[in-house]
Each structure stands twice: as structure tokens, then as C-alpha cells.
PDB file of N, CA and C in Angstrom:
ATOM      1  N   MET A   1     107.282 -57.944 -65.795  1.00  0.00           N
ATOM      2  CA  MET A   1     108.436 -58.260 -65.133  1.00  0.00           C
ATOM      3  C   MET A   1     109.296 -59.292 -65.999  1.00  0.00           C
ATOM      4  N   HIS A   2     110.561 -58.984 -66.058  1.00  0.00           N
ATOM      5  CA  HIS A   2     111.476 -59.824 -66.896  1.00  0.00           C
ATOM      6  C   HIS A   2     111.527 -61.202 -66.462  1.00  0.00           C
ATOM      7  N   GLU A   3     111.603 -61.453 -65.066  1.00  0.00           N
ATOM      8  CA  GLU A   3     111.717 -62.815 -64.523  1.00  0.00           C
ATOM      9  C   GLU A   3     110.494 -63.672 -64.926  1.00  0.00           C
ATOM     10  N   THR A   4     109.309 -63.067 -64.801  1.00  0.00           N
ATOM     11  CA  THR A   4     108.022 -63.597 -65.122  1.00  0.00           C
ATOM     12  C   THR A   4     108.098 -64.254 -66.631  1.00  0.00           C
ATOM     13  N   GLY A   5     108.586 -63.356 -67.491  1.00  0.00           N
ATOM     14  CA  GLY A   5     108.776 -63.789 -68.866  1.00  0.00           C
ATOM     15  C   GLY A   5     109.673 -64.905 -69.124  1.00  0.00           C
ATOM     16  N   ILE A   6     110.838 -64.917 -68.405  1.00  0.00           N
ATOM     17  CA  ILE A   6     111.763 -65.982 -68.525  1.00  0.00           C
ATOM     18  C   ILE A   6     111.126 -67.271 -68.078  1.00  0.00           C
ATOM     19  N   VAL A   7     110.398 -67.273 -66.951  1.00  0.00           N
ATOM     20  CA  VAL A   7     109.814 -68.508 -66.444  1.00  0.00           C
ATOM     21  C   VAL A   7     108.593 -68.958 -67.274  1.00  0.00           C
ATOM     22  N   ARG A   8     107.917 -68.084 -67.838  1.00  0.00           N
ATOM     23  CA  ARG A   8     106.686 -68.314 -68.701  1.00  0.00           C
ATOM     24  C   ARG A   8     107.170 -69.111 -69.895  1.00  0.00           C
ATOM     25  N   ASP A   9     108.299 -68.542 -70.498  1.00  0.00           N
ATOM     26  CA  ASP A   9     108.874 -69.179 -71.677  1.00  0.00           C
ATOM     27  C   ASP A   9     109.282 -70.555 -71.374  1.00  0.00           C
ATOM     28  N   LEU A  10     109.942 -70.818 -70.196  1.00  0.00           N
ATOM     29  CA  LEU A  10     110.526 -72.090 -69.800  1.00  0.00           C
ATOM     30  C   LEU A  10     109.253 -73.086 -69.664  1.00  0.00           C
ATOM     31  N   VAL A  11     108.113 -72.627 -69.079  1.00  0.00           N
ATOM     32  CA  VAL A  11     107.146 -73.615 -68.934  1.00  0.00           C
ATOM     33  C   VAL A  11     106.445 -73.895 -70.240  1.00  0.00           C
ATOM     34  N   ARG A  12     106.404 -72.958 -71.057  1.00  0.00           N
ATOM     35  CA  ARG A  12     105.858 -73.127 -72.346  1.00  0.00           C
ATOM     36  C   ARG A  12     106.651 -74.197 -73.161  1.00  0.00           C
ATOM     37  N   HIS A  13     108.038 -73.975 -72.972  1.00  0.00           N
ATOM     38  CA  HIS A  13     108.913 -75.026 -73.627  1.00  0.00           C
ATOM     39  C   HIS A  13     108.817 -76.418 -73.068  1.00  0.00           C
ATOM     40  N   LEU A  14     108.612 -76.434 -71.753  1.00  0.00           N
ATOM     41  CA  LEU A  14     108.320 -77.807 -71.069  1.00  0.00           C
ATOM     42  C   LEU A  14     106.981 -78.328 -71.630  1.00  0.00           C
ATOM     43  N   GLU A  15     106.099 -77.696 -71.832  1.00  0.00           N
ATOM     44  CA  GLU A  15     104.758 -78.148 -72.303  1.00  0.00           C
ATOM     45  C   GLU A  15     104.973 -78.669 -73.746  1.00  0.00           C
ATOM     46  N   THR A  16     105.776 -77.960 -74.605  1.00  0.00           N
ATOM     47  CA  THR A  16     106.004 -78.400 -75.992  1.00  0.00           C
ATOM     48  C   THR A  16     106.677 -79.777 -75.924  1.00  0.00           C
ATOM     49  N   VAL A  17     107.735 -79.865 -75.186  1.00  0.00           N
ATOM     50  CA  VAL A  17     108.457 -81.134 -75.056  1.00  0.00           C
ATOM     51  C   VAL A  17     107.557 -82.238 -74.573  1.00  0.00           C
ATOM     52  N   ALA A  18     106.757 -81.890 -73.513  1.00  0.00           N
ATOM     53  CA  ALA A  18     105.942 -82.976 -73.053  1.00  0.00           C
ATOM     54  C   ALA A  18     104.859 -83.457 -74.087  1.00  0.00           C
ATOM     55  N   ARG A  19     104.240 -82.429 -74.798  1.00  0.00           N
ATOM     56  CA  ARG A  19     103.237 -82.868 -75.896  1.00  0.00           C
ATOM     57  C   ARG A  19     103.857 -83.605 -76.971  1.00  0.00           C
ATOM     58  N   ASP A  20     105.049 -83.199 -77.417  1.00  0.00           N
ATOM     59  CA  ASP A  20     105.699 -83.936 -78.498  1.00  0.00           C
ATOM     60  C   ASP A  20     106.216 -85.303 -78.109  1.00  0.00           C
ATOM     61  N   ALA A  21     106.335 -85.594 -76.670  1.00  0.00           N
ATOM     62  CA  ALA A  21     106.558 -86.956 -76.434  1.00  0.00           C
ATOM     63  C   ALA A  21     105.333 -87.786 -76.104  1.00  0.00           C
ATOM     64  N   GLY A  22     104.152 -87.126 -76.158  1.00  0.00           N
ATOM     65  CA  GLY A  22     102.949 -87.926 -75.897  1.00  0.00           C
ATOM     66  C   GLY A  22     102.684 -87.965 -74.387  1.00  0.00           C
ATOM     67  N   ALA A  23     103.236 -87.225 -73.603  1.00  0.00           N
ATOM     68  CA  ALA A  23     103.094 -87.242 -72.175  1.00  0.00           C
ATOM     69  C   ALA A  23     101.762 -86.619 -71.736  1.00  0.00           C
ATOM     70  N   GLU A  24     101.444 -87.155 -70.523  1.00  0.00           N
ATOM     71  CA  GLU A  24     100.047 -86.707 -69.912  1.00  0.00           C
ATOM     72  C   GLU A  24     100.436 -85.568 -68.969  1.00  0.00           C
ATOM     73  N   ALA A  25     101.581 -85.573 -68.369  1.00  0.00           N
ATOM     74  CA  ALA A  25     101.945 -84.563 -67.395  1.00  0.00           C
ATOM     75  C   ALA A  25     103.529 -84.530 -67.330  1.00  0.00           C
ATOM     76  N   ILE A  26     104.010 -83.477 -66.639  1.00  0.00           N
ATOM     77  CA  ILE A  26     105.337 -83.341 -66.239  1.00  0.00           C
ATOM     78  C   ILE A  26     105.512 -83.562 -64.785  1.00  0.00           C
ATOM     79  N   SER A  27     106.223 -84.666 -64.384  1.00  0.00           N
ATOM     80  CA  SER A  27     106.237 -84.944 -63.065  1.00  0.00           C
ATOM     81  C   SER A  27     107.535 -84.411 -62.314  1.00  0.00           C
ATOM     82  N   GLY A  28     108.508 -83.948 -63.078  1.00  0.00           N
ATOM     83  CA  GLY A  28     109.662 -83.295 -62.509  1.00  0.00           C
ATOM     84  C   GLY A  28     110.540 -82.516 -63.394  1.00  0.00           C
ATOM     85  N   VAL A  29     111.151 -81.493 -62.939  1.00  0.00           N
ATOM     86  CA  VAL A  29     111.927 -80.565 -63.757  1.00  0.00           C
ATOM     87  C   VAL A  29     113.236 -80.279 -63.035  1.00  0.00           C
ATOM     88  N   GLN A  30     114.383 -80.328 -63.628  1.00  0.00           N
ATOM     89  CA  GLN A  30     115.627 -79.909 -63.039  1.00  0.00           C
ATOM     90  C   GLN A  30     116.124 -78.649 -63.804  1.00  0.00           C
ATOM     91  N   VAL A  31     116.329 -77.600 -63.132  1.00  0.00           N
ATOM     92  CA  VAL A  31     116.910 -76.464 -63.831  1.00  0.00           C
ATOM     93  C   VAL A  31     118.197 -76.004 -63.202  1.00  0.00           C
ATOM     94  N   TRP A  32     119.001 -75.220 -63.927  1.00  0.00           N
ATOM     95  CA  TRP A  32     120.285 -74.774 -63.415  1.00  0.00           C
ATOM     96  C   TRP A  32     120.186 -73.223 -63.626  1.00  0.00           C
ATOM     97  N   LEU A  33     120.484 -72.579 -62.531  1.00  0.00           N
ATOM     98  CA  LEU A  33     120.444 -71.006 -62.487  1.00  0.00           C
ATOM     99  C   LEU A  33     121.814 -70.494 -62.507  1.00  0.00           C
ATOM    100  N   GLY A  34     122.131 -69.704 -63.382  1.00  0.00           N
ATOM    101  CA  GLY A  34     123.489 -69.162 -63.552  1.00  0.00           C
ATOM    102  C   GLY A  34     123.533 -68.092 -62.483  1.00  0.00           C
ATOM    103  N   ALA A  35     124.928 -67.781 -62.066  1.00  0.00           N
ATOM    104  CA  ALA A  35     125.297 -66.892 -60.955  1.00  0.00           C
ATOM    105  C   ALA A  35     124.671 -65.616 -61.321  1.00  0.00           C
ATOM    106  N   LEU A  36     124.455 -65.155 -62.481  1.00  0.00           N
ATOM    107  CA  LEU A  36     124.024 -63.722 -62.773  1.00  0.00           C
ATOM    108  C   LEU A  36     122.579 -63.838 -63.456  1.00  0.00           C
ATOM    109  N   SER A  37     121.782 -64.837 -63.127  1.00  0.00           N
ATOM    110  CA  SER A  37     120.618 -65.099 -63.742  1.00  0.00           C
ATOM    111  C   SER A  37     119.403 -64.206 -63.232  1.00  0.00           C
ATOM    112  N   GLN A  38     119.661 -63.475 -62.213  1.00  0.00           N
ATOM    113  CA  GLN A  38     118.698 -62.621 -61.446  1.00  0.00           C
ATOM    114  C   GLN A  38     117.780 -63.506 -60.450  1.00  0.00           C
ATOM    115  N   PHE A  39     117.929 -64.819 -60.389  1.00  0.00           N
ATOM    116  CA  PHE A  39     117.096 -65.574 -59.638  1.00  0.00           C
ATOM    117  C   PHE A  39     117.862 -66.154 -58.380  1.00  0.00           C
ATOM    118  N   SER A  40     117.210 -66.178 -57.214  1.00  0.00           N
ATOM    119  CA  SER A  40     117.450 -67.119 -56.214  1.00  0.00           C
ATOM    120  C   SER A  40     116.807 -68.352 -56.373  1.00  0.00           C
ATOM    121  N   PRO A  41     117.001 -69.394 -55.734  1.00  0.00           N
ATOM    122  CA  PRO A  41     116.180 -70.571 -55.910  1.00  0.00           C
ATOM    123  C   PRO A  41     114.751 -70.391 -55.434  1.00  0.00           C
ATOM    124  N   GLU A  42     114.585 -69.634 -54.305  1.00  0.00           N
ATOM    125  CA  GLU A  42     113.365 -69.338 -53.783  1.00  0.00           C
ATOM    126  C   GLU A  42     112.460 -68.562 -54.780  1.00  0.00           C
ATOM    127  N   HIS A  43     113.108 -67.490 -55.299  1.00  0.00           N
ATOM    128  CA  HIS A  43     112.436 -66.542 -56.217  1.00  0.00           C
ATOM    129  C   HIS A  43     112.103 -67.290 -57.499  1.00  0.00           C
ATOM    130  N   PHE A  44     112.931 -68.236 -58.052  1.00  0.00           N
ATOM    131  CA  PHE A  44     112.610 -68.959 -59.155  1.00  0.00           C
ATOM    132  C   PHE A  44     111.307 -69.900 -58.889  1.00  0.00           C
ATOM    133  N   ARG A  45     111.442 -70.545 -57.796  1.00  0.00           N
ATOM    134  CA  ARG A  45     110.432 -71.547 -57.410  1.00  0.00           C
ATOM    135  C   ARG A  45     108.920 -70.816 -57.300  1.00  0.00           C
ATOM    136  N   GLU A  46     108.908 -69.588 -56.717  1.00  0.00           N
ATOM    137  CA  GLU A  46     107.648 -68.813 -56.642  1.00  0.00           C
ATOM    138  C   GLU A  46     107.124 -68.417 -58.097  1.00  0.00           C
ATOM    139  N   HIS A  47     107.923 -68.106 -58.969  1.00  0.00           N
ATOM    140  CA  HIS A  47     107.596 -67.764 -60.266  1.00  0.00           C
ATOM    141  C   HIS A  47     107.160 -69.097 -61.046  1.00  0.00           C
ATOM    142  N   PHE A  48     107.911 -70.120 -60.832  1.00  0.00           N
ATOM    143  CA  PHE A  48     107.549 -71.361 -61.461  1.00  0.00           C
ATOM    144  C   PHE A  48     106.202 -71.871 -61.033  1.00  0.00           C
ATOM    145  N   ASP A  49     105.917 -71.837 -59.766  1.00  0.00           N
ATOM    146  CA  ASP A  49     104.655 -72.257 -59.218  1.00  0.00           C
ATOM    147  C   ASP A  49     103.462 -71.412 -59.798  1.00  0.00           C
ATOM    148  N   ASP A  50     103.756 -70.189 -60.040  1.00  0.00           N
ATOM    149  CA  ASP A  50     102.690 -69.245 -60.537  1.00  0.00           C
ATOM    150  C   ASP A  50     102.550 -69.597 -61.959  1.00  0.00           C
ATOM    151  N   GLU A  51     103.568 -69.641 -62.855  1.00  0.00           N
ATOM    152  CA  GLU A  51     103.391 -69.924 -64.237  1.00  0.00           C
ATOM    153  C   GLU A  51     102.948 -71.301 -64.529  1.00  0.00           C
ATOM    154  N   ALA A  52     103.365 -72.280 -63.663  1.00  0.00           N
ATOM    155  CA  ALA A  52     102.985 -73.717 -64.093  1.00  0.00           C
ATOM    156  C   ALA A  52     101.443 -73.876 -63.739  1.00  0.00           C
ATOM    157  N   ARG A  53     100.881 -73.159 -62.839  1.00  0.00           N
ATOM    158  CA  ARG A  53      99.496 -73.314 -62.521  1.00  0.00           C
ATOM    159  C   ARG A  53      98.580 -73.515 -63.799  1.00  0.00           C
ATOM    160  N   GLY A  54      97.827 -74.630 -63.872  1.00  0.00           N
ATOM    161  CA  GLY A  54      96.877 -74.839 -64.948  1.00  0.00           C
ATOM    162  C   GLY A  54      97.619 -75.395 -66.184  1.00  0.00           C
ATOM    163  N   THR A  55      98.878 -75.815 -66.129  1.00  0.00           N
ATOM    164  CA  THR A  55      99.566 -76.476 -67.218  1.00  0.00           C
ATOM    165  C   THR A  55      99.960 -77.769 -66.907  1.00  0.00           C
ATOM    166  N   MET A  56     100.652 -78.446 -67.987  1.00  0.00           N
ATOM    167  CA  MET A  56     101.111 -79.779 -67.648  1.00  0.00           C
ATOM    168  C   MET A  56     102.249 -80.017 -66.494  1.00  0.00           C
ATOM    169  N   ALA A  57     102.785 -78.752 -66.231  1.00  0.00           N
ATOM    170  CA  ALA A  57     103.845 -78.736 -65.298  1.00  0.00           C
ATOM    171  C   ALA A  57     103.408 -78.457 -63.878  1.00  0.00           C
ATOM    172  N   GLU A  58     102.112 -78.200 -63.784  1.00  0.00           N
ATOM    173  CA  GLU A  58     101.554 -77.834 -62.352  1.00  0.00           C
ATOM    174  C   GLU A  58     101.752 -79.002 -61.482  1.00  0.00           C
ATOM    175  N   GLY A  59     102.386 -78.894 -60.268  1.00  0.00           N
ATOM    176  CA  GLY A  59     102.674 -79.889 -59.275  1.00  0.00           C
ATOM    177  C   GLY A  59     103.945 -80.676 -59.520  1.00  0.00           C
ATOM    178  N   ALA A  60     104.667 -80.295 -60.724  1.00  0.00           N
ATOM    179  CA  ALA A  60     106.027 -80.993 -60.906  1.00  0.00           C
ATOM    180  C   ALA A  60     106.912 -80.773 -59.826  1.00  0.00           C
ATOM    181  N   ALA A  61     107.705 -81.873 -59.387  1.00  0.00           N
ATOM    182  CA  ALA A  61     108.786 -81.667 -58.383  1.00  0.00           C
ATOM    183  C   ALA A  61     109.843 -80.758 -59.225  1.00  0.00           C
ATOM    184  N   LEU A  62     110.394 -79.762 -58.433  1.00  0.00           N
ATOM    185  CA  LEU A  62     111.344 -78.853 -59.039  1.00  0.00           C
ATOM    186  C   LEU A  62     112.634 -79.055 -58.297  1.00  0.00           C
ATOM    187  N   ASP A  63     113.710 -79.444 -59.069  1.00  0.00           N
ATOM    188  CA  ASP A  63     115.063 -79.566 -58.456  1.00  0.00           C
ATOM    189  C   ASP A  63     115.818 -78.358 -59.007  1.00  0.00           C
ATOM    190  N   ILE A  64     116.395 -77.517 -58.298  1.00  0.00           N
ATOM    191  CA  ILE A  64     117.068 -76.277 -58.632  1.00  0.00           C
ATOM    192  C   ILE A  64     118.574 -76.406 -58.238  1.00  0.00           C
ATOM    193  N   LEU A  65     119.365 -76.389 -59.315  1.00  0.00           N
ATOM    194  CA  LEU A  65     120.881 -76.248 -59.120  1.00  0.00           C
ATOM    195  C   LEU A  65     121.251 -74.855 -59.380  1.00  0.00           C
ATOM    196  N   THR A  66     122.335 -74.437 -58.595  1.00  0.00           N
ATOM    197  CA  THR A  66     122.764 -73.074 -58.755  1.00  0.00           C
ATOM    198  C   THR A  66     124.173 -72.981 -59.057  1.00  0.00           C
ATOM    199  N   SER A  67     124.612 -71.925 -59.687  1.00  0.00           N
ATOM    200  CA  SER A  67     126.048 -71.759 -59.815  1.00  0.00           C
ATOM    201  C   SER A  67     126.513 -70.380 -59.127  1.00  0.00           C
ATOM    202  N   ASP A  68     127.654 -70.418 -58.607  1.00  0.00           N
ATOM    203  CA  ASP A  68     128.243 -69.368 -57.962  1.00  0.00           C
ATOM    204  C   ASP A  68     129.369 -68.795 -58.657  1.00  0.00           C
ATOM    205  N   ASP A  69     129.428 -68.976 -59.991  1.00  0.00           N
ATOM    206  CA  ASP A  69     130.624 -68.661 -60.835  1.00  0.00           C
ATOM    207  C   ASP A  69     130.213 -67.690 -61.751  1.00  0.00           C
ATOM    208  N   PRO A  70     130.398 -66.358 -61.482  1.00  0.00           N
ATOM    209  CA  PRO A  70     130.129 -65.304 -62.534  1.00  0.00           C
ATOM    210  C   PRO A  70     130.771 -65.366 -63.867  1.00  0.00           C
ATOM    211  N   GLY A  71     131.910 -66.040 -63.757  1.00  0.00           N
ATOM    212  CA  GLY A  71     132.746 -66.198 -65.080  1.00  0.00           C
ATOM    213  C   GLY A  71     132.286 -67.330 -65.876  1.00  0.00           C
ATOM    214  N   ASP A  72     131.338 -68.071 -65.544  1.00  0.00           N
ATOM    215  CA  ASP A  72     130.820 -69.264 -66.354  1.00  0.00           C
ATOM    216  C   ASP A  72     130.307 -68.633 -67.566  1.00  0.00           C
ATOM    217  N   PRO A  73     130.472 -69.177 -68.742  1.00  0.00           N
ATOM    218  CA  PRO A  73     129.757 -68.695 -70.025  1.00  0.00           C
ATOM    219  C   PRO A  73     128.405 -68.651 -70.007  1.00  0.00           C
ATOM    220  N   ASP A  74     127.728 -69.420 -69.200  1.00  0.00           N
ATOM    221  CA  ASP A  74     126.296 -69.456 -68.994  1.00  0.00           C
ATOM    222  C   ASP A  74     125.699 -68.641 -67.805  1.00  0.00           C
ATOM    223  N   ALA A  75     126.582 -67.883 -67.216  1.00  0.00           N
ATOM    224  CA  ALA A  75     126.204 -67.213 -65.922  1.00  0.00           C
ATOM    225  C   ALA A  75     124.917 -66.369 -66.029  1.00  0.00           C
ATOM    226  N   LEU A  76     124.444 -65.942 -67.109  1.00  0.00           N
ATOM    227  CA  LEU A  76     123.313 -65.225 -67.194  1.00  0.00           C
ATOM    228  C   LEU A  76     122.047 -65.993 -67.520  1.00  0.00           C
ATOM    229  N   HIS A  77     122.213 -67.329 -67.703  1.00  0.00           N
ATOM    230  CA  HIS A  77     121.095 -68.166 -68.190  1.00  0.00           C
ATOM    231  C   HIS A  77     120.505 -68.870 -67.036  1.00  0.00           C
ATOM    232  N   VAL A  78     119.255 -69.365 -67.477  1.00  0.00           N
ATOM    233  CA  VAL A  78     118.525 -70.346 -66.645  1.00  0.00           C
ATOM    234  C   VAL A  78     118.304 -71.496 -67.805  1.00  0.00           C
ATOM    235  N   MET A  79     118.790 -72.704 -67.353  1.00  0.00           N
ATOM    236  CA  MET A  79     118.720 -73.921 -68.275  1.00  0.00           C
ATOM    237  C   MET A  79     117.907 -75.036 -67.678  1.00  0.00           C
ATOM    238  N   ILE A  80     117.229 -75.667 -68.586  1.00  0.00           N
ATOM    239  CA  ILE A  80     116.626 -76.950 -68.270  1.00  0.00           C
ATOM    240  C   ILE A  80     117.554 -77.956 -68.246  1.00  0.00           C
ATOM    241  N   ARG A  81     117.769 -78.761 -67.220  1.00  0.00           N
ATOM    242  CA  ARG A  81     118.764 -79.865 -67.379  1.00  0.00           C
ATOM    243  C   ARG A  81     118.128 -81.157 -67.599  1.00  0.00           C
ATOM    244  N   SER A  82     116.828 -81.428 -67.035  1.00  0.00           N
ATOM    245  CA  SER A  82     116.115 -82.543 -67.313  1.00  0.00           C
ATOM    246  C   SER A  82     114.651 -82.429 -67.028  1.00  0.00           C
ATOM    247  N   VAL A  83     113.843 -83.409 -67.659  1.00  0.00           N
ATOM    248  CA  VAL A  83     112.337 -83.339 -67.577  1.00  0.00           C
ATOM    249  C   VAL A  83     111.901 -84.702 -67.267  1.00  0.00           C
ATOM    250  N   ASP A  84     111.071 -84.941 -66.248  1.00  0.00           N
ATOM    251  CA  ASP A  84     110.474 -86.274 -66.060  1.00  0.00           C
ATOM    252  C   ASP A  84     109.131 -86.099 -66.549  1.00  0.00           C
ATOM    253  N   LEU A  85     108.650 -87.060 -67.451  1.00  0.00           N
ATOM    254  CA  LEU A  85     107.318 -86.929 -67.999  1.00  0.00           C
ATOM    255  C   LEU A  85     106.542 -88.186 -67.487  1.00  0.00           C
ATOM    256  N   GLU A  86     105.265 -88.075 -67.449  1.00  0.00           N
ATOM    257  CA  GLU A  86     104.298 -89.160 -67.283  1.00  0.00           C
ATOM    258  C   GLU A  86     103.656 -89.468 -68.571  1.00  0.00           C
ATOM    259  N   VAL A  87     103.945 -90.692 -69.040  1.00  0.00           N
ATOM    260  CA  VAL A  87     103.500 -91.181 -70.269  1.00  0.00           C
ATOM    261  C   VAL A  87     102.761 -92.482 -70.068  1.00  0.00           C
ATOM    262  N   SER A  88     101.414 -92.580 -70.539  1.00  0.00           N
ATOM    263  CA  SER A  88     100.721 -93.807 -70.355  1.00  0.00           C
ATOM    264  C   SER A  88     101.142 -94.726 -71.269  1.00  0.00           C
ATOM    265  N   GLU A  89     101.214 -96.131 -70.808  1.00  0.00           N
ATOM    266  CA  GLU A  89     101.532 -97.147 -71.560  1.00  0.00           C
ATOM    267  C   GLU A  89     100.451 -97.480 -72.449  1.00  0.00           C
ATOM    268  N   THR A  90     100.635 -97.768 -73.586  1.00  0.00           N
ATOM    269  CA  THR A  90      99.542 -98.295 -74.613  1.00  0.00           C
ATOM    270  C   THR A  90      99.572 -99.730 -74.765  1.00  0.00           C
ATOM    271  N   GLU A  91      98.351-100.390 -74.748  1.00  0.00           N
ATOM    272  CA  GLU A  91      98.412-101.775 -75.036  1.00  0.00           C
ATOM    273  C   GLU A  91      98.217-102.032 -76.377  1.00  0.00           C
ATOM    274  N   GLU A  92      99.003-103.046 -76.905  1.00  0.00           N
ATOM    275  CA  GLU A  92      98.986-103.362 -78.213  1.00  0.00           C
ATOM    276  C   GLU A  92      98.092-104.646 -78.576  1.00  0.00           C
TER     277      GLU A  92
END
């Protein structure tokens, strides 16, 4: 399914960002859904929960922003707006 692939790629990207930052986990994610992105917030959340299971994003708070403007240049896209990471402090 096309939607599954979109969310799977998004979760992989989140994990790459988290690993590159030295994070232990992803605690929150804000995404933006374009008006023509094929997702409702509920549908996206279901896919995200399934794809995040067993990853650094599992259990992350998900904040979903939506657009109702089909004329927006990004109307077909799903975009990550922000990522909250859990990074352990190192003692020096």
C-alpha cells in the first residue's frame, strides 16, 4: 500500500536523524499533511503507530497539522515539521 510506504520512509528518516544526533529515543514528532496527501489525521496515526513499533519512534507523541488548501504547492506532501529527541547527558 502506498500510504504504508510513505510512513515507513518517514519513520526511517526520523531514526536516521535521531541516530545522527546521538539520541536514545524520539519523544515527539510534528507532521504536516497536505490537503491532497491521501491521509486523514486518524489514518496517518494508524500507519505511524504500526510503522514505529519496534523503532526509536515507538511511543512518540504525534502532533498532526493538516492543510485544507489543495492549491498549496505542498498539497501532495507529508512533511516533518519538528522532532523531539531524548538525548542522555554525558558527564565530563
